[in-house]
Amino acid sequence: MSDIGSEEMEEEQGPYLGEYDGDRNEREERHGHGKATLPNGDTYEGQYEHGKRHGTGVYRFKNRARYIGEYNKNKKHGQGTFIYPDGSKYEGGWVDDQRCGHGKYYYVNGDTYEGEWQGHLRHGQGAYIYAATNTKYVGTWVNGKRESHGELIHANHKYVGTFKDDRMEGKGKYVFDIGCEQHGEYIPIEQEKDDKGDDEEPQANIIPKWKAGHVTAVHIKTEEEIAEEERLAAQKTESEAAVADVEAAAAEAKENDTLVEDPKAEETEGVCLCSY
């Protein structure tokens, strides 16, 4: 589901726009904590610095959208939550009024995305859950689209392979819970669209087609095998920790092992102290 173009614009851009009740500095700028009611009906309550929203605050739009989070010089910047008019919600990082960094988006249809953002778009590593089909994509995103390596996880199987322009394309494999893998390749097939006007050129619609290859068996671990692996891993961790403690103690002992000089050494220098 798309989240492009769903951002609300904040009206307050000048230090004296609308009604204001709050702290001011010696220059009569909004400075400190205050509440502003803007001409269009929006409200903001929070921190100001030199006439601009700066710090934490809550901006409420007249269309019932709202932002709760951090500002930097009138722009959403830092950590914040934006609740949109349709009920969708974003929680995460912001840079210069745009979703950026790590964040989670709750879509109105029940889908969710959690991962990296850049310039308002899904960009980087992230996981998208499709509520209608209960499937999950985990992998790389570029400018809001699935790209490069990723996994599309279904109830009893998953696809592991490459994506291009938000669709499966290139080499990959299907991994089934019954204990086998089918290797193959998705080949883009162009199909002509039917919905074109009289004067329009035919539009090509690219449909990925799966070309199956060889099948290999996959060993499915039993619960006992998984438990044994976890036990061995925990045992290894404890052993490594014990070795690290011994090495640290030895290093500390070596550092503290200094020679104590005999205060009478100079008096007896060159004199044989052997006794018979």
Protein backbone atom coordinates (compact mmCIF):
# COMPACT_ATOMS: atom_id res chain seq x y z
CA MET A 1 0.00 0.00 0.00
CA SER A 2 1.33 3.43 -0.91
CA ASP A 3 2.21 6.11 1.61
CA ILE A 4 3.40 8.65 -0.96
CA GLY A 5 1.80 12.08 -0.84
CA SER A 6 -0.09 11.47 2.39
CA GLU A 7 1.75 14.12 4.39
CA GLU A 8 -0.08 17.09 5.85
CA MET A 9 1.41 20.58 5.56
CA GLU A 10 1.75 22.74 8.64
CA GLU A 11 0.63 26.34 8.24
CA GLU A 12 2.56 28.06 11.01
CA GLN A 13 5.75 29.44 9.45
CA GLY A 14 6.03 32.95 10.90
CA PRO A 15 6.64 33.98 14.51
CA TYR A 16 3.44 36.06 14.74
CA LEU A 17 0.93 33.92 12.82
CA GLY A 18 -2.35 33.29 14.67
CA GLU A 19 -3.12 33.62 18.35
CA TYR A 20 -0.43 32.70 20.86
CA ASP A 21 -0.42 32.14 24.59
CA GLY A 22 2.91 31.33 26.16
CA ASP A 23 6.49 32.29 26.90
CA ARG A 24 8.43 34.95 25.01
CA ASN A 25 12.00 36.20 25.08
CA GLU A 26 13.27 39.78 25.38
CA ARG A 27 12.68 40.29 21.65
CA GLU A 28 9.02 39.27 22.08
CA GLU A 29 9.60 36.12 20.04
CA ARG A 30 7.78 32.94 20.95
CA HIS A 31 10.38 31.27 23.14
CA GLY A 32 9.83 28.46 25.65
CA HIS A 33 6.51 26.69 26.10
CA GLY A 34 3.39 27.99 24.41
CA LYS A 35 0.20 27.29 22.52
CA ALA A 36 -0.74 28.74 19.13
CA THR A 37 -4.08 28.70 17.31
CA LEU A 38 -3.57 29.29 13.61
CA PRO A 39 -5.93 31.10 11.20
CA ASN A 40 -6.83 27.84 9.43
CA GLY A 41 -7.86 26.13 12.67
CA ASP A 42 -4.67 24.14 13.30
CA THR A 43 -3.15 24.26 16.80
CA TYR A 44 0.32 23.71 18.17
CA GLU A 45 1.33 23.28 21.78
CA GLY A 46 4.91 22.72 22.79
CA GLN A 47 8.37 24.20 22.76
CA TYR A 48 9.48 27.28 20.81
CA GLU A 49 12.87 28.81 20.21
CA HIS A 50 13.26 32.27 18.68
CA GLY A 51 9.77 32.19 17.18
CA LYS A 52 9.95 28.70 15.70
CA ARG A 53 8.74 25.30 16.82
CA HIS A 54 11.83 23.75 18.35
CA GLY A 55 11.93 20.83 20.78
CA THR A 56 8.95 18.63 21.58
CA GLY A 57 5.36 19.51 20.77
CA VAL A 58 1.95 18.46 19.47
CA TYR A 59 0.60 19.84 16.18
CA ARG A 60 -3.11 19.20 15.54
CA PHE A 61 -4.52 19.74 12.07
CA LYS A 62 -8.10 20.83 11.49
CA ASN A 63 -8.70 17.60 9.54
CA ARG A 64 -7.95 15.58 12.73
CA ALA A 65 -4.42 14.60 11.74
CA ARG A 66 -1.77 15.23 14.37
CA TYR A 67 1.96 15.03 14.99
CA ILE A 68 3.49 14.33 18.40
CA GLY A 69 7.24 14.58 18.53
CA GLU A 70 10.38 16.60 18.03
CA TYR A 71 10.94 19.75 15.97
CA ASN A 72 13.96 21.60 14.72
CA LYS A 73 13.41 25.15 13.44
CA ASN A 74 9.76 24.59 12.48
CA LYS A 75 10.39 21.20 10.87
CA LYS A 76 9.65 17.73 12.14
CA HIS A 77 13.09 16.44 13.03
CA GLY A 78 14.05 13.62 15.39
CA GLN A 79 11.60 11.10 16.80
CA GLY A 80 7.88 11.55 16.33
CA THR A 81 4.48 10.00 15.65
CA PHE A 82 2.20 11.19 12.85
CA ILE A 83 -1.44 10.09 12.83
CA TYR A 84 -3.10 10.68 9.46
CA PRO A 85 -6.76 11.60 8.78
CA ASP A 86 -7.53 8.11 7.43
CA GLY A 87 -6.28 6.47 10.65
CA SER A 88 -2.89 5.31 9.38
CA LYS A 89 0.07 6.05 11.61
CA TYR A 90 3.85 6.45 11.41
CA GLU A 91 6.18 6.14 14.39
CA GLY A 92 9.87 6.78 13.96
CA GLY A 93 12.57 9.10 12.70
CA TRP A 94 12.17 12.41 10.86
CA VAL A 95 14.64 14.65 9.03
CA ASP A 96 13.58 18.03 7.63
CA ASP A 97 9.84 17.22 7.70
CA GLN A 98 10.28 13.83 6.02
CA ARG A 99 10.18 10.26 7.28
CA CYS A 100 13.81 9.21 7.57
CA GLY A 101 15.78 6.62 9.53
CA HIS A 102 14.08 3.74 11.31
CA GLY A 103 10.33 3.77 11.67
CA LYS A 104 7.10 1.80 11.56
CA TYR A 105 4.05 2.62 9.44
CA TYR A 106 0.59 1.24 10.24
CA TYR A 107 -1.59 1.33 7.11
CA VAL A 108 -5.36 1.73 7.20
CA ASN A 109 -5.89 -1.67 5.50
CA GLY A 110 -3.98 -3.47 8.27
CA ASP A 111 -0.61 -3.70 6.51
CA THR A 112 2.51 -2.70 8.44
CA TYR A 113 6.04 -1.77 7.45
CA GLU A 114 8.95 -1.56 9.85
CA GLY A 115 12.42 -0.64 8.71
CA GLU A 116 14.44 2.11 7.13
CA TRP A 117 13.13 5.25 5.46
CA GLN A 118 14.61 8.01 3.35
CA GLY A 119 12.86 11.04 1.87
CA HIS A 120 9.40 9.82 2.99
CA LEU A 121 9.90 6.47 1.18
CA ARG A 122 10.71 2.94 2.30
CA HIS A 123 14.43 2.78 1.59
CA GLY A 124 16.99 0.32 2.97
CA GLN A 125 16.26 -2.84 4.94
CA GLY A 126 12.73 -3.45 6.13
CA ALA A 127 9.84 -5.86 6.64
CA TYR A 128 6.36 -5.38 5.14
CA ILE A 129 3.41 -7.50 6.32
CA TYR A 130 0.45 -7.86 3.94
CA ALA A 131 -2.59 -8.28 6.18
CA ALA A 132 -4.98 -9.61 3.51
CA THR A 133 -2.78 -12.57 2.59
CA ASN A 134 -0.77 -12.88 5.82
CA THR A 135 2.47 -12.80 3.83
CA LYS A 136 5.64 -10.95 4.74
CA TYR A 137 8.42 -9.42 2.68
CA VAL A 138 11.81 -9.04 4.35
CA GLY A 139 14.61 -7.45 2.38
CA THR A 140 15.85 -4.41 0.53
CA TRP A 141 13.80 -1.38 -0.53
CA VAL A 142 14.83 1.37 -2.94
CA ASN A 143 12.67 4.49 -3.28
CA GLY A 144 9.57 2.77 -1.95
CA LYS A 145 9.90 -0.42 -4.01
CA ARG A 146 11.22 -3.92 -3.35
CA GLU A 147 14.64 -4.22 -4.93
CA SER A 148 17.65 -6.57 -4.90
CA HIS A 149 17.64 -9.51 -2.45
CA GLY A 150 14.59 -10.35 -0.37
CA GLU A 151 12.31 -13.02 1.02
CA LEU A 152 8.56 -13.31 0.50
CA ILE A 153 7.29 -15.51 3.33
CA HIS A 154 3.97 -17.39 3.08
CA ALA A 155 2.22 -19.72 5.54
CA ASN A 156 3.94 -22.94 4.42
CA HIS A 157 6.62 -21.80 2.01
CA LYS A 158 8.77 -18.81 1.11
CA TYR A 159 10.47 -17.34 -1.93
CA VAL A 160 14.11 -16.30 -1.59
CA GLY A 161 15.62 -14.39 -4.46
CA THR A 162 15.96 -11.12 -6.32
CA PHE A 163 13.44 -8.35 -6.90
CA LYS A 164 13.39 -5.53 -9.42
CA ASP A 165 11.05 -2.54 -9.56
CA ASP A 166 8.81 -4.06 -6.85
CA ARG A 167 8.38 -7.45 -8.52
CA MET A 168 10.18 -10.80 -8.48
CA GLU A 169 12.78 -10.99 -11.23
CA GLY A 170 15.93 -13.07 -11.68
CA LYS A 171 17.22 -16.16 -9.91
CA GLY A 172 15.66 -17.47 -6.74
CA LYS A 173 14.19 -20.46 -5.01
CA TYR A 174 11.03 -21.62 -3.26
CA VAL A 175 11.59 -23.26 0.11
CA PHE A 176 8.75 -25.53 1.23
CA ASP A 177 7.97 -26.74 4.73
CA ILE A 178 7.69 -30.33 3.49
CA GLY A 179 11.47 -30.42 3.13
CA CYS A 180 12.40 -29.43 -0.42
CA GLU A 181 13.56 -26.44 -2.43
CA GLN A 182 12.70 -25.61 -6.02
CA HIS A 183 15.33 -23.51 -7.74
CA GLY A 184 14.55 -21.42 -10.76
CA GLU A 185 14.24 -17.96 -12.23
CA TYR A 186 11.58 -15.30 -12.69
CA ILE A 187 11.55 -13.99 -16.25
CA PRO A 188 9.77 -10.70 -17.05
CA ILE A 189 7.10 -11.19 -19.73
CA GLU A 190 5.56 -8.15 -21.41
CA GLN A 191 1.81 -8.24 -21.91
CA GLU A 192 -0.18 -5.57 -23.71
CA LYS A 193 -2.72 -3.72 -21.59
CA ASP A 194 -6.35 -3.61 -22.76
CA ASP A 195 -7.26 -0.23 -21.24
CA LYS A 196 -5.90 2.15 -23.89
CA GLY A 197 -7.59 4.99 -25.76
CA ASP A 198 -8.04 5.30 -29.51
CA ASP A 199 -5.05 7.60 -29.92
CA GLU A 200 -2.82 5.98 -27.31
CA GLU A 201 0.11 3.68 -27.92
CA PRO A 202 -0.26 0.14 -26.57
CA GLN A 203 0.98 -0.05 -22.99
CA ALA A 204 3.20 -2.94 -21.95
CA ASN A 205 2.46 -4.65 -18.64
CA ILE A 206 5.35 -6.71 -17.28
CA ILE A 207 4.31 -9.99 -15.65
CA PRO A 208 6.97 -12.14 -13.93
CA LYS A 209 6.85 -15.80 -15.03
CA TRP A 210 8.48 -18.55 -12.97
CA LYS A 211 10.83 -20.88 -14.86
CA ALA A 212 11.34 -23.91 -12.63
CA GLY A 213 14.70 -25.61 -12.37
CA HIS A 214 16.02 -28.44 -10.21
CA VAL A 215 14.61 -29.56 -6.88
CA THR A 216 16.76 -30.33 -3.85
CA ALA A 217 15.91 -31.92 -0.52
CA VAL A 218 16.11 -29.90 2.65
CA HIS A 219 16.61 -31.46 6.06
CA ILE A 220 13.95 -30.26 8.47
CA LYS A 221 15.27 -30.14 12.01
CA THR A 222 13.29 -31.84 14.74
CA GLU A 223 12.46 -30.13 18.02
CA GLU A 224 15.07 -32.34 19.72
CA GLU A 225 17.77 -31.23 17.26
CA ILE A 226 16.88 -27.58 17.72
CA ALA A 227 16.96 -27.97 21.51
CA GLU A 228 20.36 -29.70 21.33
CA GLU A 229 21.77 -26.92 19.13
CA GLU A 230 20.53 -24.31 21.58
CA ARG A 231 22.08 -26.24 24.49
CA LEU A 232 25.44 -26.51 22.73
CA ALA A 233 25.34 -22.82 21.79
CA ALA A 234 24.65 -21.86 25.41
CA GLN A 235 27.41 -24.18 26.60
CA LYS A 236 29.83 -22.62 24.11
CA THR A 237 28.90 -19.14 25.26
CA GLU A 238 29.51 -20.07 28.90
CA SER A 239 32.85 -21.67 28.00
CA GLU A 240 33.96 -18.62 26.02
CA ALA A 241 32.95 -16.37 28.90
CA ALA A 242 34.95 -18.49 31.36
CA VAL A 243 38.04 -18.36 29.12
CA ALA A 244 37.67 -14.60 28.78
CA ASP A 245 37.49 -14.26 32.58
CA VAL A 246 40.64 -16.34 33.03
CA GLU A 247 42.52 -14.32 30.41
CA ALA A 248 41.40 -11.06 31.98
CA ALA A 249 42.50 -12.24 35.44
CA ALA A 250 45.88 -13.34 34.08
CA ALA A 251 46.41 -10.00 32.35
CA GLU A 252 45.52 -8.12 35.53
CA ALA A 253 47.87 -10.27 37.62
CA LYS A 254 50.69 -9.70 35.16
CA GLU A 255 50.10 -5.96 35.23
CA ASN A 256 50.20 -5.89 39.05
CA ASP A 257 53.25 -8.17 39.33
CA THR A 258 55.97 -5.52 39.95
CA LEU A 259 59.40 -6.11 41.57
CA VAL A 260 59.88 -4.70 45.10
CA GLU A 261 63.33 -3.13 45.49
CA ASP A 262 65.43 -3.91 48.60
CA PRO A 263 66.08 -0.63 50.46
CA LYS A 264 69.53 -1.97 51.47
CA ALA A 265 70.52 -2.89 47.95
CA GLU A 266 72.81 0.10 47.51
CA GLU A 267 74.54 -0.58 50.88
CA THR A 268 75.37 -4.15 49.97
CA GLU A 269 76.27 -3.58 46.34
CA GLY A 270 79.32 -5.64 45.43
CA VAL A 271 79.39 -7.47 48.77
CA CYS A 272 78.94 -11.21 48.84
CA LEU A 273 76.09 -12.05 51.18
CA CYS A 274 76.47 -15.79 50.90
CA SER A 275 76.67 -17.59 54.22
CA TYR A 276 78.54 -20.76 54.84
